[in-house]
C-alpha atoms as a PDB file:
ATOM      1  CA  MET A   1      64.112 -27.639  71.115  1.00  0.00           C
ATOM      2  CA  GLY A   2      63.106 -25.990  74.389  1.00  0.00           C
ATOM      3  CA  LYS A   3      64.237 -27.028  77.865  1.00  0.00           C
ATOM      4  CA  ILE A   4      60.950 -28.699  78.679  1.00  0.00           C
ATOM      5  CA  LYS A   5      60.882 -30.738  75.491  1.00  0.00           C
ATOM      6  CA  SER A   6      64.565 -31.695  75.727  1.00  0.00           C
ATOM      7  CA  ARG A   7      64.414 -32.971  79.327  1.00  0.00           C
ATOM      8  CA  ASN A   8      63.701 -36.483  78.026  1.00  0.00           C
ATOM      9  CA  ILE A   9      66.451 -36.523  75.458  1.00  0.00           C
ATOM     10  CA  PHE A  10      68.394 -39.311  77.273  1.00  0.00           C
ATOM     11  CA  SER A  11      65.460 -40.941  79.078  1.00  0.00           C
ATOM     12  CA  GLY A  12      65.369 -43.886  76.710  1.00  0.00           C
ATOM     13  CA  TYR A  13      69.023 -44.639  77.314  1.00  0.00           C
ATOM     14  CA  ALA A  14      68.645 -44.236  81.075  1.00  0.00           C
ATOM     15  CA  ASN A  15      65.613 -46.448  81.270  1.00  0.00           C
ATOM     16  CA  LEU A  16      67.236 -49.089  79.091  1.00  0.00           C
ATOM     17  CA  GLY A  17      70.110 -49.028  81.554  1.00  0.00           C
ATOM     18  CA  GLN A  18      67.728 -49.721  84.415  1.00  0.00           C
ATOM     19  CA  ILE A  19      66.068 -52.486  82.404  1.00  0.00           C
ATOM     20  CA  SER A  20      69.454 -53.976  81.620  1.00  0.00           C
ATOM     21  CA  LEU A  21      70.450 -54.011  85.261  1.00  0.00           C
ATOM     22  CA  ALA A  22      67.087 -55.525  86.277  1.00  0.00           C
ATOM     23  CA  LEU A  23      67.488 -58.251  83.646  1.00  0.00           C
ATOM     24  CA  LEU A  24      70.988 -58.977  84.957  1.00  0.00           C
ATOM     25  CA  ALA A  25      69.737 -59.336  88.550  1.00  0.00           C
ATOM     26  CA  LEU A  26      66.821 -61.484  87.446  1.00  0.00           C
ATOM     27  CA  GLN A  27      69.019 -63.761  85.382  1.00  0.00           C
ATOM     28  CA  LEU A  28      71.649 -64.223  88.072  1.00  0.00           C
ATOM     29  CA  TYR A  29      69.115 -64.964  90.819  1.00  0.00           C
ATOM     30  CA  ASN A  30      66.714 -67.024  88.713  1.00  0.00           C
ATOM     31  CA  ASP A  31      69.198 -69.105  86.780  1.00  0.00           C
ATOM     32  CA  LYS A  32      67.402 -72.111  85.226  1.00  0.00           C
ATOM     33  CA  SER A  33      70.527 -73.665  83.692  1.00  0.00           C
ATOM     34  CA  GLY A  34      71.112 -76.028  86.625  1.00  0.00           C
ATOM     35  CA  GLN A  35      74.114 -73.910  87.698  1.00  0.00           C
ATOM     36  CA  GLN A  36      72.792 -73.076  91.168  1.00  0.00           C
ATOM     37  CA  GLY A  37      75.637 -73.484  93.620  1.00  0.00           C
ATOM     38  CA  LYS A  38      78.181 -73.645  90.825  1.00  0.00           C
ATOM     39  CA  SER A  39      80.330 -70.915  89.290  1.00  0.00           C
ATOM     40  CA  LEU A  40      78.608 -68.672  86.785  1.00  0.00           C
ATOM     41  CA  ASP A  41      80.417 -66.450  84.342  1.00  0.00           C
ATOM     42  CA  VAL A  42      78.581 -63.360  85.531  1.00  0.00           C
ATOM     43  CA  GLU A  43      80.627 -61.061  83.265  1.00  0.00           C
ATOM     44  CA  ALA A  44      79.588 -63.070  80.227  1.00  0.00           C
ATOM     45  CA  ILE A  45      75.939 -62.888  81.306  1.00  0.00           C
ATOM     46  CA  HIS A  46      76.260 -59.098  81.836  1.00  0.00           C
ATOM     47  CA  HIS A  47      77.851 -58.595  78.401  1.00  0.00           C
ATOM     48  CA  GLN A  48      75.176 -60.725  76.693  1.00  0.00           C
ATOM     49  CA  ILE A  49      72.406 -58.715  78.302  1.00  0.00           C
ATOM     50  CA  SER A  50      74.159 -55.460  77.438  1.00  0.00           C
ATOM     51  CA  ARG A  51      74.451 -56.506  73.776  1.00  0.00           C
ATOM     52  CA  GLU A  52      70.739 -57.363  73.712  1.00  0.00           C
ATOM     53  CA  THR A  53      69.655 -54.198  75.491  1.00  0.00           C
ATOM     54  CA  PHE A  54      72.045 -51.794  73.697  1.00  0.00           C
ATOM     55  CA  PRO A  55      72.559 -53.233  70.197  1.00  0.00           C
ATOM     56  CA  GLY A  56      75.467 -51.626  68.442  1.00  0.00           C
ATOM     57  CA  ILE A  57      77.059 -50.326  71.635  1.00  0.00           C
ATOM     58  CA  GLU A  58      80.066 -52.317  72.796  1.00  0.00           C
ATOM     59  CA  THR A  59      80.777 -52.700  76.495  1.00  0.00           C
ATOM     60  CA  ASP A  60      84.246 -52.903  77.945  1.00  0.00           C
ATOM     61  CA  LEU A  61      84.969 -56.577  78.451  1.00  0.00           C
ATOM     62  CA  GLU A  62      87.507 -55.762  81.135  1.00  0.00           C
ATOM     63  CA  SER A  63      85.309 -53.429  83.206  1.00  0.00           C
ATOM     64  CA  HIS A  64      84.197 -56.119  85.695  1.00  0.00           C
ATOM     65  CA  PHE A  65      81.063 -54.040  86.238  1.00  0.00           C
ATOM     66  CA  VAL A  66      79.245 -56.807  88.049  1.00  0.00           C
ATOM     67  CA  ASN A  67      81.925 -56.817  90.786  1.00  0.00           C
ATOM     68  CA  HIS A  68      80.912 -53.309  91.858  1.00  0.00           C
ATOM     69  CA  PHE A  69      77.201 -53.484  91.211  1.00  0.00           C
ATOM     70  CA  ASP A  70      76.334 -53.461  94.936  1.00  0.00           C
ATOM     71  CA  HIS A  71      72.587 -53.762  94.461  1.00  0.00           C
ATOM     72  CA  LEU A  72      73.041 -57.373  93.486  1.00  0.00           C
ATOM     73  CA  THR A  73      73.616 -58.198  97.134  1.00  0.00           C
ATOM     74  CA  ASP A  74      71.038 -56.021  98.824  1.00  0.00           C
ATOM     75  CA  TYR A  75      68.209 -56.008  96.272  1.00  0.00           C
ATOM     76  CA  ALA A  76      69.020 -59.342  94.645  1.00  0.00           C
ATOM     77  CA  ALA A  77      66.445 -60.256  91.993  1.00  0.00           C
ATOM     78  CA  ALA A  78      64.189 -57.369  93.141  1.00  0.00           C
ATOM     79  CA  TYR A  79      66.340 -54.681  91.471  1.00  0.00           C
ATOM     80  CA  TYR A  80      63.542 -54.182  88.892  1.00  0.00           C
ATOM     81  CA  GLY A  81      61.689 -52.496  91.758  1.00  0.00           C
ATOM     82  CA  TYR A  82      63.588 -49.252  91.084  1.00  0.00           C
ATOM     83  CA  LEU A  83      61.921 -48.752  87.748  1.00  0.00           C
ATOM     84  CA  TRP A  84      58.630 -50.354  88.724  1.00  0.00           C
ATOM     85  CA  SER A  85      58.245 -48.017  91.705  1.00  0.00           C
ATOM     86  CA  LYS A  86      58.738 -45.062  89.362  1.00  0.00           C
ATOM     87  CA  VAL A  87      55.840 -46.367  87.256  1.00  0.00           C
ATOM     88  CA  PHE A  88      53.578 -46.317  90.318  1.00  0.00           C
ATOM     89  CA  ALA A  89      54.939 -42.955  91.550  1.00  0.00           C
ATOM     90  CA  CYS A  90      54.150 -41.321  88.190  1.00  0.00           C
ATOM     91  CA  ASP A  91      50.594 -42.735  88.342  1.00  0.00           C
ATOM     92  CA  VAL A  92      49.992 -41.404  91.878  1.00  0.00           C
ATOM     93  CA  PHE A  93      51.507 -38.003  90.976  1.00  0.00           C
ATOM     94  CA  GLN A  94      49.300 -37.643  87.918  1.00  0.00           C
ATOM     95  CA  GLN A  95      46.182 -38.699  89.855  1.00  0.00           C
ATOM     96  CA  ILE A  96      46.777 -35.999  92.462  1.00  0.00           C
ATOM     97  CA  ASP A  97      47.970 -33.357  89.995  1.00  0.00           C
ATOM     98  CA  GLU A  98      44.973 -33.769  87.683  1.00  0.00           C
ATOM     99  CA  ASN A  99      42.468 -33.558  90.500  1.00  0.00           C
ATOM    100  CA  ASP A 100      42.834 -31.054  93.338  1.00  0.00           C
ATOM    101  CA  GLY A 101      46.557 -30.518  93.081  1.00  0.00           C
ATOM    102  CA  LEU A 102      49.701 -31.383  94.902  1.00  0.00           C
ATOM    103  CA  LEU A 103      49.181 -29.094  97.851  1.00  0.00           C
ATOM    104  CA  ASP A 104      45.650 -30.292  98.675  1.00  0.00           C
ATOM    105  CA  ALA A 105      45.513 -31.536 102.303  1.00  0.00           C
ATOM    106  CA  ASP A 106      42.784 -34.091 101.562  1.00  0.00           C
ATOM    107  CA  TRP A 107      44.993 -35.845  99.031  1.00  0.00           C
ATOM    108  CA  GLY A 108      47.848 -35.783 101.522  1.00  0.00           C
ATOM    109  CA  ARG A 109      45.663 -37.371 104.204  1.00  0.00           C
ATOM    110  CA  LYS A 110      44.340 -39.954 101.752  1.00  0.00           C
ATOM    111  CA  TYR A 111      47.904 -40.848 100.687  1.00  0.00           C
ATOM    112  CA  ALA A 112      49.032 -41.185 104.279  1.00  0.00           C
ATOM    113  CA  SER A 113      46.034 -43.260 105.379  1.00  0.00           C
ATOM    114  CA  THR A 114      45.823 -45.442 102.301  1.00  0.00           C
ATOM    115  CA  ILE A 115      49.478 -46.005 101.299  1.00  0.00           C
ATOM    116  CA  LEU A 116      51.717 -45.216 104.281  1.00  0.00           C
ATOM    117  CA  CYS A 117      49.846 -46.050 107.488  1.00  0.00           C
ATOM    118  CA  PRO A 118      48.835 -49.660 106.710  1.00  0.00           C
ATOM    119  CA  GLY A 119      52.547 -50.560 106.290  1.00  0.00           C
ATOM    120  CA  GLY A 120      53.061 -54.144 105.205  1.00  0.00           C
ATOM    121  CA  SER A 121      49.637 -55.350 106.293  1.00  0.00           C
ATOM    122  CA  LYS A 122      48.584 -56.324 102.751  1.00  0.00           C
ATOM    123  CA  ASP A 123      49.791 -56.398  99.185  1.00  0.00           C
ATOM    124  CA  PRO A 124      51.050 -52.920  98.115  1.00  0.00           C
ATOM    125  CA  ASN A 125      49.139 -53.252  94.831  1.00  0.00           C
ATOM    126  CA  GLU A 126      45.871 -53.291  96.847  1.00  0.00           C
ATOM    127  CA  PHE A 127      46.890 -50.024  98.576  1.00  0.00           C
ATOM    128  CA  LEU A 128      47.672 -48.471  95.237  1.00  0.00           C
ATOM    129  CA  GLU A 129      44.395 -49.559  93.593  1.00  0.00           C
ATOM    130  CA  GLU A 130      42.458 -48.269  96.625  1.00  0.00           C
ATOM    131  CA  PHE A 131      44.228 -44.915  96.488  1.00  0.00           C
ATOM    132  CA  LEU A 132      43.792 -44.502  92.718  1.00  0.00           C
ATOM    133  CA  GLY A 133      40.265 -45.844  92.586  1.00  0.00           C
ATOM    134  CA  ARG A 134      41.263 -47.990  89.629  1.00  0.00           C
ATOM    135  CA  GLU A 135      43.991 -50.360  88.536  1.00  0.00           C
ATOM    136  CA  PRO A 136      47.409 -48.747  88.162  1.00  0.00           C
ATOM    137  CA  SER A 137      48.467 -47.590  84.697  1.00  0.00           C
ATOM    138  CA  ILE A 138      51.877 -47.411  83.023  1.00  0.00           C
ATOM    139  CA  GLU A 139      50.713 -44.502  80.810  1.00  0.00           C
ATOM    140  CA  PRO A 140      51.708 -41.698  83.229  1.00  0.00           C
ATOM    141  CA  PHE A 141      55.249 -43.107  83.386  1.00  0.00           C
ATOM    142  CA  LEU A 142      55.448 -43.344  79.586  1.00  0.00           C
ATOM    143  CA  ASN A 143      54.215 -39.720  79.337  1.00  0.00           C
ATOM    144  CA  THR A 144      56.853 -38.654  81.879  1.00  0.00           C
ATOM    145  CA  ILE A 145      59.689 -40.107  79.834  1.00  0.00           C
ATOM    146  CA  GLY A 146      58.299 -38.720  76.584  1.00  0.00           C
ATOM    147  CA  ILE A 147      56.977 -41.842  74.873  1.00  0.00           C
ATOM    148  CA  GLY A 148      53.348 -41.917  76.008  1.00  0.00           C
ATOM    149  CA  THR A 149      50.227 -40.745  74.174  1.00  0.00           C
ATOM    150  CA  LYS A 150      50.170 -37.284  75.794  1.00  0.00           C
ATOM    151  CA  MET A 151      52.629 -34.583  74.845  1.00  0.00           C
ATOM    152  CA  GLU A 152      54.133 -32.185  77.412  1.00  0.00           C
ATOM    153  CA  ASP A 153      51.604 -29.506  76.744  1.00  0.00           C
ATOM    154  CA  GLY A 154      48.718 -31.921  77.380  1.00  0.00           C
ATOM    155  CA  GLU A 155      47.739 -32.384  73.734  1.00  0.00           C
ATOM    156  CA  GLU A 156      47.253 -35.895  72.426  1.00  0.00           C
ATOM    157  CA  GLU A 157      49.962 -37.136  70.130  1.00  0.00           C
ATOM    158  CA  GLU A 158      48.835 -37.298  66.538  1.00  0.00           C
ATOM    159  CA  GLU A 159      48.731 -40.743  64.954  1.00  0.00           C
ATOM    160  CA  GLU A 160      50.263 -41.029  61.525  1.00  0.00           C
END
């Protein structure tokens, strides 16, 4: 297996890790059990999510991971934004790369004027759709991590 093809060898594990952390943040900040304002066993919640996300892989019950997961206080329930922003970034990258290329000044100006300059004046999804000229797609992200429909060399994956 060449270097290019092997670059995604651990991407599934890494992305599951991000999904697991996002689920943890969402569960802790969106608790529907009526426990708001009361003590939650956050370690038990973390270990349950870990078991569901990584079946067959045991976590250290004494690690107290949640105690040093700093993003729970600054990102709160929005931790999923890490992975979601990568989905959008891959889509933007592919759009530019497949058209005039990454060094094209027109694309740079369009990116600056459409995405960066308006700031928080409207929903970021509107900026993205305007820039792409279509609705965003998860497919470029899936291709980047090696599980999409396009292979690294640009050929379509064969269906069995």
